[in-house]
C-alpha atoms as a PDB file:
ATOM      1  CA  MET A   1       0.000   0.000   0.000  1.00  0.00           C
ATOM      2  CA  SER A   2       0.980   3.583  -0.179  1.00  0.00           C
ATOM      3  CA  ILE A   3       0.001   6.426   2.087  1.00  0.00           C
ATOM      4  CA  SER A   4      -2.811   8.475   0.629  1.00  0.00           C
ATOM      5  CA  HIS A   5      -3.832  12.053   1.252  1.00  0.00           C
ATOM      6  CA  ALA A   6      -7.461  12.885   1.936  1.00  0.00           C
ATOM      7  CA  THR A   7      -9.203  16.200   1.540  1.00  0.00           C
ATOM      8  CA  THR A   8     -12.487  17.301   3.022  1.00  0.00           C
ATOM      9  CA  ALA A   9     -14.111  16.184  -0.245  1.00  0.00           C
ATOM     10  CA  THR A  10     -12.473  12.727  -0.265  1.00  0.00           C
ATOM     11  CA  PHE A  11     -12.448  11.973   3.490  1.00  0.00           C
ATOM     12  CA  GLU A  12     -15.659   9.946   3.387  1.00  0.00           C
ATOM     13  CA  ASP A  13     -14.457   7.719   0.542  1.00  0.00           C
ATOM     14  CA  GLU A  14     -10.833   7.441   1.720  1.00  0.00           C
ATOM     15  CA  VAL A  15     -11.625   6.801   5.394  1.00  0.00           C
ATOM     16  CA  LEU A  16     -15.256   6.221   6.299  1.00  0.00           C
ATOM     17  CA  LYS A  17     -16.156   3.946   3.370  1.00  0.00           C
ATOM     18  CA  ALA A  18     -12.810   2.124   3.254  1.00  0.00           C
ATOM     19  CA  GLU A  19     -12.504  -1.608   3.870  1.00  0.00           C
ATOM     20  CA  GLY A  20     -10.630  -2.695   6.992  1.00  0.00           C
ATOM     21  CA  LEU A  21      -8.634  -0.516   9.359  1.00  0.00           C
ATOM     22  CA  VAL A  22      -7.718   3.048   8.435  1.00  0.00           C
ATOM     23  CA  LEU A  23      -5.145   5.078  10.364  1.00  0.00           C
ATOM     24  CA  VAL A  24      -5.611   8.818   9.832  1.00  0.00           C
ATOM     25  CA  ASP A  25      -2.728  11.186  10.504  1.00  0.00           C
ATOM     26  CA  PHE A  26      -4.011  14.712  11.151  1.00  0.00           C
ATOM     27  CA  TRP A  27      -0.984  16.936  10.500  1.00  0.00           C
ATOM     28  CA  ALA A  28       0.244  20.323   9.227  1.00  0.00           C
ATOM     29  CA  GLU A  29       3.286  21.427   7.231  1.00  0.00           C
ATOM     30  CA  TRP A  30       4.542  23.744  10.035  1.00  0.00           C
ATOM     31  CA  CYS A  31       4.344  21.031  12.739  1.00  0.00           C
ATOM     32  CA  GLY A  32       7.747  19.682  13.823  1.00  0.00           C
ATOM     33  CA  PRO A  33       6.435  16.536  15.564  1.00  0.00           C
ATOM     34  CA  CYS A  34       4.323  15.812  12.460  1.00  0.00           C
ATOM     35  CA  LYS A  35       7.545  15.681  10.433  1.00  0.00           C
ATOM     36  CA  MET A  36       9.011  13.293  13.013  1.00  0.00           C
ATOM     37  CA  ILE A  37       6.149  10.792  12.703  1.00  0.00           C
ATOM     38  CA  THR A  38       6.164  10.717   8.874  1.00  0.00           C
ATOM     39  CA  PRO A  39       9.087   8.243   8.510  1.00  0.00           C
ATOM     40  CA  ILE A  40       7.544   6.054  11.227  1.00  0.00           C
ATOM     41  CA  LEU A  41       4.264   5.930   9.305  1.00  0.00           C
ATOM     42  CA  ASP A  42       6.241   5.137   6.144  1.00  0.00           C
ATOM     43  CA  GLU A  43       7.775   2.136   7.959  1.00  0.00           C
ATOM     44  CA  VAL A  44       4.357   0.938   9.155  1.00  0.00           C
ATOM     45  CA  ASP A  45       3.005   1.312   5.618  1.00  0.00           C
ATOM     46  CA  ALA A  46       5.914  -0.657   4.142  1.00  0.00           C
ATOM     47  CA  ASP A  47       5.449  -3.544   6.600  1.00  0.00           C
ATOM     48  CA  ASP A  48       3.298  -6.152   4.842  1.00  0.00           C
ATOM     49  CA  SER A  49       2.471  -7.878   8.110  1.00  0.00           C
ATOM     50  CA  ILE A  50       0.421  -4.853   9.236  1.00  0.00           C
ATOM     51  CA  SER A  51      -2.984  -4.598   7.635  1.00  0.00           C
ATOM     52  CA  VAL A  52      -3.907  -0.913   7.839  1.00  0.00           C
ATOM     53  CA  LYS A  53      -4.499   1.842   5.312  1.00  0.00           C
ATOM     54  CA  ILE A  54      -2.760   5.107   6.217  1.00  0.00           C
ATOM     55  CA  VAL A  55      -4.358   8.396   5.228  1.00  0.00           C
ATOM     56  CA  LYS A  56      -2.896  11.842   5.906  1.00  0.00           C
ATOM     57  CA  VAL A  57      -5.120  14.911   6.351  1.00  0.00           C
ATOM     58  CA  ASP A  58      -3.557  18.388   6.272  1.00  0.00           C
ATOM     59  CA  ILE A  59      -5.584  20.270   8.889  1.00  0.00           C
ATOM     60  CA  ASP A  60      -4.809  23.708   7.417  1.00  0.00           C
ATOM     61  CA  GLU A  61      -6.091  22.832   3.948  1.00  0.00           C
ATOM     62  CA  ASN A  62      -8.934  20.607   5.197  1.00  0.00           C
ATOM     63  CA  PRO A  63     -10.330  21.985   8.476  1.00  0.00           C
ATOM     64  CA  GLU A  64     -13.642  20.110   8.472  1.00  0.00           C
ATOM     65  CA  PRO A  65     -12.496  16.520   9.294  1.00  0.00           C
ATOM     66  CA  PRO A  66     -10.295  17.532  12.259  1.00  0.00           C
ATOM     67  CA  THR A  67     -13.080  19.751  13.602  1.00  0.00           C
ATOM     68  CA  GLN A  68     -15.595  16.925  13.238  1.00  0.00           C
ATOM     69  CA  TYR A  69     -13.329  14.583  15.237  1.00  0.00           C
ATOM     70  CA  ASN A  70     -12.332  17.153  17.871  1.00  0.00           C
ATOM     71  CA  VAL A  71      -8.626  17.270  16.948  1.00  0.00           C
ATOM     72  CA  ARG A  72      -7.070  19.776  19.353  1.00  0.00           C
ATOM     73  CA  SER A  73      -3.356  19.207  18.814  1.00  0.00           C
ATOM     74  CA  ILE A  74      -1.206  17.553  16.189  1.00  0.00           C
ATOM     75  CA  PRO A  75      -0.026  15.067  15.240  1.00  0.00           C
ATOM     76  CA  THR A  76      -3.211  13.211  16.090  1.00  0.00           C
ATOM     77  CA  LEU A  77      -3.645   9.641  14.891  1.00  0.00           C
ATOM     78  CA  ALA A  78      -7.196   8.339  14.610  1.00  0.00           C
ATOM     79  CA  LEU A  79      -8.051   4.708  13.945  1.00  0.00           C
ATOM     80  CA  PHE A  80     -11.223   3.923  12.000  1.00  0.00           C
ATOM     81  CA  LYS A  81     -12.931   0.703  10.986  1.00  0.00           C
ATOM     82  CA  GLN A  82     -16.016   0.624   8.749  1.00  0.00           C
ATOM     83  CA  GLY A  83     -16.656   4.317   9.336  1.00  0.00           C
ATOM     84  CA  LYS A  84     -16.419   4.103  13.117  1.00  0.00           C
ATOM     85  CA  LEU A  85     -13.767   5.879  15.164  1.00  0.00           C
ATOM     86  CA  LEU A  86     -12.055   3.228  17.305  1.00  0.00           C
ATOM     87  CA  GLY A  87      -9.541   5.423  19.087  1.00  0.00           C
ATOM     88  CA  VAL A  88      -7.280   8.464  19.028  1.00  0.00           C
ATOM     89  CA  LYS A  89      -3.666   8.975  20.055  1.00  0.00           C
ATOM     90  CA  VAL A  90      -1.887  12.336  20.191  1.00  0.00           C
ATOM     91  CA  GLY A  91       1.821  12.929  19.659  1.00  0.00           C
ATOM     92  CA  VAL A  92       4.678  11.033  18.079  1.00  0.00           C
ATOM     93  CA  LEU A  93       4.350   7.287  18.580  1.00  0.00           C
ATOM     94  CA  SER A  94       6.996   4.664  17.952  1.00  0.00           C
ATOM     95  CA  LYS A  95       6.459   2.035  15.278  1.00  0.00           C
ATOM     96  CA  PRO A  96       5.983  -0.711  17.926  1.00  0.00           C
ATOM     97  CA  SER A  97       3.344   1.439  19.667  1.00  0.00           C
ATOM     98  CA  ILE A  98       1.442   1.987  16.427  1.00  0.00           C
ATOM     99  CA  VAL A  99       1.704  -1.697  15.450  1.00  0.00           C
ATOM    100  CA  GLU A 100       0.427  -2.803  18.870  1.00  0.00           C
ATOM    101  CA  TRP A 101      -2.487  -0.320  18.729  1.00  0.00           C
ATOM    102  CA  VAL A 102      -3.495  -1.380  15.217  1.00  0.00           C
ATOM    103  CA  SER A 103      -3.159  -5.105  15.928  1.00  0.00           C
ATOM    104  CA  GLN A 104      -5.379  -4.844  19.021  1.00  0.00           C
ATOM    105  CA  SER A 105      -8.188  -3.194  17.031  1.00  0.00           C
END
């Protein structure tokens, strides 16, 4: 898989109507910690043993989804399955932390 980028217009199709688990990264270009988590998400995405779709949402360009899900600080990772929000984690997580979270969902 490859990491996709969702907009307000594509959020429903990319995330809410997607099959399986979807990990959404709410981020912004100016956010230092957001830049730190990007290579970690790339590693998770490249790992074939982890079955999750990763979608990035730029909160500056697409303010509606983060507002809808009460995102107050970034990076915020939100885990969805079949349109339902399963959980939210804020801040930079390690790959093992993300893998454990996803595998328990």
